[in-house]
Protein backbone atom coordinates (compact mmCIF):
# COMPACT_ATOMS: atom_id res chain seq x y z
CA MET A 1 77.89 50.74 -12.25
CA SER A 2 76.17 47.43 -13.59
CA THR A 3 75.12 46.23 -16.93
CA LYS A 4 72.77 43.69 -17.69
CA PRO A 5 72.66 41.60 -20.79
CA SER A 6 69.91 41.64 -23.41
CA ARG A 7 66.61 40.32 -21.76
CA ALA A 8 66.73 37.24 -24.26
CA LYS A 9 69.92 36.03 -22.22
CA LYS A 10 70.36 37.48 -18.55
CA GLY A 11 73.48 37.30 -16.47
CA ALA A 12 75.31 38.30 -13.40
CA ALA A 13 75.85 42.02 -13.18
CA ALA A 14 79.44 43.26 -13.52
CA ARG A 15 80.70 46.27 -11.17
CA PRO A 16 83.95 47.59 -12.62
CA ARG A 17 86.21 49.45 -10.21
CA SER A 18 87.03 52.83 -10.64
CA GLY A 19 90.93 53.89 -10.69
CA GLY A 20 91.05 54.83 -6.81
CA SER A 21 94.33 55.14 -5.11
CA ALA A 22 96.43 52.21 -4.99
CA ALA A 23 100.13 51.06 -5.08
CA PRO A 24 102.05 48.16 -3.31
CA ALA A 25 102.23 48.44 0.61
CA GLU A 26 106.30 48.05 0.50
CA SER A 27 109.08 50.57 1.08
CA ALA A 28 111.38 51.51 -1.87
CA HIS A 29 114.92 52.24 -1.39
CA PRO A 30 115.33 55.95 -2.78
CA ALA A 31 118.69 55.22 -4.87
CA ALA A 32 117.44 51.92 -6.36
CA ALA A 33 113.85 53.03 -7.30
CA ILE A 34 112.96 55.24 -10.32
CA PRO A 35 111.73 58.75 -8.78
CA ALA A 36 109.48 61.27 -10.56
CA ALA A 37 111.13 64.19 -11.84
CA ALA A 38 111.47 67.49 -9.93
CA GLY A 39 107.84 68.67 -9.16
CA PRO A 40 104.85 67.83 -6.70
CA ALA A 41 105.27 64.75 -4.84
CA VAL A 42 101.68 63.56 -6.28
CA ALA A 43 100.96 59.85 -6.51
CA GLU A 44 98.46 57.12 -5.92
CA THR A 45 98.93 56.13 -2.59
CA ALA A 46 100.17 52.73 -0.99
CA GLN A 47 96.84 51.93 0.81
CA ALA A 48 94.28 50.71 -1.61
CA THR A 49 92.52 47.13 -1.12
CA PRO A 50 91.85 45.72 -3.44
CA PRO A 51 94.51 46.87 -5.91
CA PRO A 52 93.06 49.04 -8.69
CA LEU A 53 91.48 47.69 -11.93
CA PHE A 54 94.02 45.40 -13.92
CA TYR A 55 96.96 45.16 -11.21
CA LYS A 56 96.70 42.02 -9.87
CA ASP A 57 100.36 42.13 -7.96
CA PRO A 58 101.69 45.63 -7.67
CA ALA A 59 105.18 46.25 -6.85
CA ILE A 60 107.99 49.11 -6.89
CA LEU A 61 110.39 48.60 -9.68
CA ARG A 62 113.78 48.89 -8.60
CA HIS A 63 117.32 47.61 -9.35
CA PRO A 64 119.01 45.30 -8.93
CA ASP A 65 115.72 43.13 -8.07
CA HIS A 66 114.12 43.67 -11.71
CA ALA A 67 117.40 44.11 -13.37
CA GLY A 68 116.61 42.02 -16.21
CA LEU A 69 112.72 43.11 -16.60
CA CYS A 70 111.76 44.24 -19.93
CA LEU A 71 108.71 45.73 -21.64
CA ARG A 72 107.43 43.32 -24.25
CA THR A 73 106.36 45.73 -27.04
CA GLY A 74 103.17 45.05 -29.45
CA GLN A 75 101.21 42.88 -27.19
CA GLY A 76 97.96 45.00 -27.39
CA PHE A 77 95.28 45.70 -24.87
CA ASP A 78 93.92 42.30 -24.39
CA PHE A 79 94.17 42.79 -20.24
CA ALA A 80 91.13 45.43 -20.74
CA ARG A 81 88.82 42.94 -22.49
CA ASN A 82 86.76 42.04 -19.40
CA ALA A 83 86.39 45.78 -18.57
CA ALA A 84 83.09 47.42 -19.24
CA ALA A 85 84.15 50.84 -17.71
CA LEU A 86 87.49 52.15 -17.50
CA PRO A 87 88.87 55.03 -15.12
CA LEU A 88 88.96 58.35 -16.71
CA THR A 89 90.71 61.75 -15.69
CA SER A 90 88.93 65.36 -16.37
CA ALA A 91 91.88 65.98 -19.05
CA GLU A 92 90.59 63.41 -21.28
CA PHE A 93 86.97 64.26 -21.45
CA ALA A 94 87.21 66.02 -24.57
CA ALA A 95 88.90 63.14 -26.48
CA ALA A 96 86.99 60.59 -24.74
CA GLY A 97 83.32 62.04 -24.83
CA ARG A 98 83.58 61.59 -28.62
CA HIS A 99 83.26 57.77 -28.24
CA TYR A 100 82.55 56.96 -24.72
CA PRO A 101 79.58 58.06 -22.35
CA ILE A 102 81.21 59.49 -19.55
CA VAL A 103 79.62 58.48 -16.20
CA PHE A 104 80.60 58.58 -12.38
CA SER A 105 81.36 55.98 -10.10
CA ASP A 106 79.35 56.76 -7.06
CA ILE A 107 78.48 59.47 -4.73
CA VAL A 108 80.90 59.12 -1.78
CA ASP A 109 84.20 59.58 -4.01
CA PRO A 110 82.74 60.37 -7.43
CA MET A 111 85.33 59.44 -10.20
CA PRO A 112 84.60 59.54 -13.75
CA LEU A 113 84.31 56.33 -16.12
CA ALA A 114 84.33 55.70 -19.64
CA VAL A 115 81.88 53.24 -20.45
CA VAL A 116 83.32 50.92 -23.07
CA GLY A 117 80.60 47.96 -22.91
CA VAL A 118 76.99 47.16 -22.53
CA GLU A 119 77.39 43.56 -21.30
CA PRO A 120 78.83 42.54 -18.17
CA GLU A 121 82.94 42.18 -18.59
CA ALA A 122 82.83 42.87 -22.11
CA ASN A 123 84.77 45.41 -23.64
CA LEU A 124 83.21 46.55 -27.26
CA PHE A 125 86.32 48.34 -28.38
CA LEU A 126 88.92 45.40 -28.67
CA THR A 127 89.21 43.27 -31.69
CA ALA A 128 89.75 39.70 -31.51
CA GLU A 129 93.73 40.30 -31.70
CA GLY A 130 93.57 42.63 -28.77
CA GLN A 131 94.08 45.91 -30.58
CA TRP A 132 91.92 48.96 -29.68
CA ALA A 133 89.25 49.70 -32.21
CA ALA A 134 90.74 52.03 -34.93
CA GLY A 135 89.91 55.81 -34.78
CA THR A 136 88.97 55.57 -31.12
CA TYR A 137 90.44 57.20 -28.15
CA VAL A 138 92.49 54.88 -25.76
CA PRO A 139 92.14 55.95 -22.25
CA ALA A 140 95.41 56.97 -20.59
CA TYR A 141 94.59 54.37 -17.70
CA VAL A 142 94.93 51.60 -20.20
CA ARG A 143 98.05 53.26 -21.94
CA ARG A 144 99.63 53.50 -18.48
CA TYR A 145 99.31 49.70 -17.62
CA PRO A 146 101.40 47.76 -16.33
CA PHE A 147 103.03 50.78 -14.79
CA ILE A 148 101.91 53.10 -12.02
CA ALA A 149 103.25 56.01 -9.78
CA VAL A 150 103.79 54.86 -6.22
CA ALA A 151 104.20 56.99 -3.13
CA SER A 152 104.96 54.86 -0.05
CA ALA A 153 103.45 57.39 2.30
CA PRO A 154 101.56 60.78 1.83
CA GLY A 155 103.78 63.54 0.57
CA ALA A 156 106.66 60.79 -0.30
CA THR A 157 108.43 61.38 -3.46
CA PRO A 158 106.72 59.12 -6.15
CA VAL A 159 108.62 56.05 -7.72
CA LEU A 160 107.67 53.81 -10.63
CA GLY A 161 105.58 50.78 -9.79
CA PHE A 162 104.35 47.91 -11.86
CA ASP A 163 102.18 44.92 -11.93
CA ARG A 164 104.35 41.84 -11.47
CA ALA A 165 101.53 39.45 -12.84
CA SER A 166 101.41 41.45 -16.13
CA PRO A 167 102.08 39.50 -19.35
CA LEU A 168 103.59 42.79 -21.04
CA LEU A 169 106.69 42.39 -18.66
CA GLY A 170 109.27 39.82 -18.82
CA ALA A 171 112.72 38.86 -19.52
CA GLY A 172 114.10 39.90 -22.89
CA SER A 173 116.49 42.31 -24.67
CA ASP A 174 116.65 44.95 -27.51
CA ALA A 175 117.53 42.08 -29.89
CA ASP A 176 114.05 40.46 -29.49
CA GLY A 177 111.84 43.59 -29.82
CA SER A 178 111.62 44.18 -26.08
CA ALA A 179 112.32 47.37 -24.11
CA PRO A 180 114.70 46.91 -21.08
CA LEU A 181 113.70 48.94 -18.21
CA PHE A 182 117.46 49.19 -16.79
CA GLU A 183 120.81 50.02 -18.26
CA VAL A 184 123.57 47.48 -17.11
CA ASP A 185 124.79 50.24 -14.82
CA GLY A 186 121.53 49.92 -13.04
CA THR A 187 120.26 53.63 -14.13
CA PRO A 188 116.53 53.52 -15.55
CA THR A 189 116.36 53.48 -19.20
CA THR A 190 114.76 56.24 -21.73
CA HIS A 191 111.69 53.42 -21.59
CA ALA A 192 111.53 53.54 -17.90
CA GLN A 193 111.92 57.36 -17.42
CA GLU A 194 109.21 57.87 -20.10
CA ALA A 195 106.83 55.52 -18.13
CA MET A 196 107.57 57.29 -14.80
CA ASN A 197 106.82 60.71 -16.45
CA PHE A 198 103.49 59.43 -17.90
CA CYS A 199 102.47 57.77 -14.59
CA GLN A 200 103.33 61.01 -12.49
CA ALA A 201 101.38 63.14 -15.14
CA TYR A 202 98.35 60.80 -14.68
CA ALA A 203 98.61 60.86 -10.93
CA ASP A 204 98.41 64.72 -10.86
CA ASP A 205 95.45 64.46 -13.21
CA HIS A 206 93.91 62.11 -11.12
CA VAL A 207 94.35 64.42 -8.13
CA THR A 208 92.66 67.31 -9.85
CA THR A 209 89.75 65.02 -11.20
CA ARG A 210 89.01 63.92 -7.74
CA ALA A 211 88.78 67.47 -6.60
CA PHE A 212 86.24 68.08 -9.51
CA GLY A 213 84.30 65.09 -8.44
CA ALA A 214 84.25 65.98 -4.76
CA ALA A 215 82.84 69.43 -5.77
CA LEU A 216 80.00 68.07 -8.08
CA ALA A 217 78.88 65.85 -5.17
CA GLU A 218 79.11 68.65 -2.43
CA ALA A 219 76.87 70.95 -4.87
CA GLY A 220 74.20 68.21 -5.14
CA LEU A 221 74.50 67.99 -9.08
CA LEU A 222 74.90 64.08 -9.45
CA ARG A 223 72.03 61.70 -9.56
CA GLN A 224 72.18 58.01 -9.91
CA GLN A 225 70.68 56.78 -13.29
CA SER A 226 70.17 53.82 -15.66
CA ILE A 227 69.68 53.57 -19.46
CA ASN A 228 68.06 51.16 -21.68
CA LEU A 229 69.51 50.30 -25.12
CA ARG A 230 67.77 48.59 -27.93
CA PHE A 231 70.04 46.57 -30.28
CA GLY A 232 69.75 45.68 -34.03
CA ASN A 233 68.49 42.07 -33.50
CA GLY A 234 65.44 43.19 -31.39
CA THR A 235 66.82 42.51 -27.89
CA THR A 236 67.32 45.04 -25.25
CA GLY A 237 69.95 45.70 -22.33
CA SER A 238 70.46 48.27 -19.53
CA VAL A 239 73.21 49.87 -17.66
CA GLU A 240 72.49 50.46 -14.26
CA GLY A 241 73.70 52.10 -11.05
CA PHE A 242 76.24 55.02 -12.55
CA TRP A 243 75.94 58.52 -11.75
CA GLN A 244 75.24 61.68 -13.77
CA ILE A 245 75.29 65.35 -13.67
CA ASP A 246 71.67 66.46 -13.37
CA GLU A 247 71.07 68.99 -15.95
CA GLN A 248 68.35 71.06 -14.30
CA ALA A 249 70.36 70.80 -11.07
CA TYR A 250 73.30 72.31 -12.84
CA ARG A 251 71.23 75.22 -14.40
CA ASP A 252 70.00 75.98 -10.80
CA LEU A 253 73.45 76.66 -9.54
CA PRO A 254 73.85 79.97 -7.66
CA ALA A 255 75.92 82.55 -9.30
CA GLU A 256 78.55 82.51 -6.80
CA LYS A 257 78.79 78.75 -7.50
CA VAL A 258 79.01 79.00 -11.56
CA LEU A 259 81.51 81.73 -10.95
CA ALA A 260 83.71 79.49 -8.87
CA PHE A 261 83.14 76.39 -11.16
CA HIS A 262 83.92 78.68 -14.11
CA THR A 263 87.33 79.68 -12.52
CA LYS A 264 88.39 76.29 -12.00
CA GLY A 265 87.53 75.24 -15.86
CA TRP A 266 84.88 72.95 -14.28
CA LEU A 267 81.84 74.43 -16.26
CA ASP A 268 83.60 72.83 -19.53
CA LEU A 269 83.81 69.51 -18.07
CA ILE A 270 80.28 69.59 -17.02
CA VAL A 271 79.34 70.39 -20.54
CA LEU A 272 81.46 67.78 -22.14
CA HIS A 273 80.16 65.34 -19.59
CA LEU A 274 76.61 65.96 -20.70
CA ALA A 275 77.58 66.18 -24.23
CA SER A 276 79.17 62.57 -23.97
CA GLN A 277 75.51 60.96 -23.28
CA PHE A 278 74.97 60.80 -26.95
CA ALA A 279 77.78 58.11 -27.27
CA TRP A 280 75.51 55.72 -25.79
CA GLN A 281 73.95 55.39 -29.16
CA GLY A 282 77.30 54.49 -30.48
CA LEU A 283 77.58 51.66 -28.07
CA ALA A 284 74.25 50.10 -28.89
CA GLU A 285 75.17 50.21 -32.50
CA ARG A 286 78.41 48.39 -31.79
CA ARG A 287 76.74 46.04 -29.76
CA SER A 288 74.33 45.31 -32.69
CA LEU A 289 77.02 44.77 -35.16
CA GLN A 290 78.52 42.16 -32.62
CA LEU A 291 75.06 40.39 -32.29
CA GLN A 292 74.82 40.23 -36.13
CA ALA A 293 78.25 38.61 -36.50
CA ALA A 294 77.73 36.29 -33.77
């Protein structure tokens, strides 16, 4: 997906990366890393190049290597300021579609994206202080950062990974409002275990979402699209290169395919995706307000 600025001021197009599989390619000592709770061993695998969006230096969190590491609370979401589109899972369609157009990344491995900007590398939903716009949904991919579920190999038990380059992590203590990730005896704190549970749930949703995207492509439902937007000051902009479900192709699905999609809950996702296209107007209005304030 690429975005183009207003025709009064053109610039290079941005191509946000989707949340494909990613993790550090290093082994973890089973006793030292923080494993997922009992359940399916599902995680984003350790073979993506380059690392996923936002993750500059991913690694596996383990004791004693990271004994003093803390999560710095109240830091906001400034790391997402330069993202015009964010990875999304199918479990988020209902909440996200009220605020963001939901599109698909490509036709080879189609994954959903929430469009959050209409200019290259510009998120319209962040305040100057790095807080997310009040009353709008914060995608789970953003809330998950700087953590990630990591599997060192397919089928391996997932463990908790993190971005070593993230400003959200560093030395600290409960006294200064930071959240330690390990107890003195090396066991994970509640904060670390909650992060692992969240990342594991996201990884599970990622797998089911990928299956949905693959089924759309196999059924021939995706079409590459672009959209032109007009802003309040009279300038225009466009978003290009994204993929969207073709409504006519959807209506032409054979009965057996409709039944299969219905059984898996995918018809609901298709409807939510199509309904989210009305959110393009909201993006144009946000950009118009931004231009007025400039």
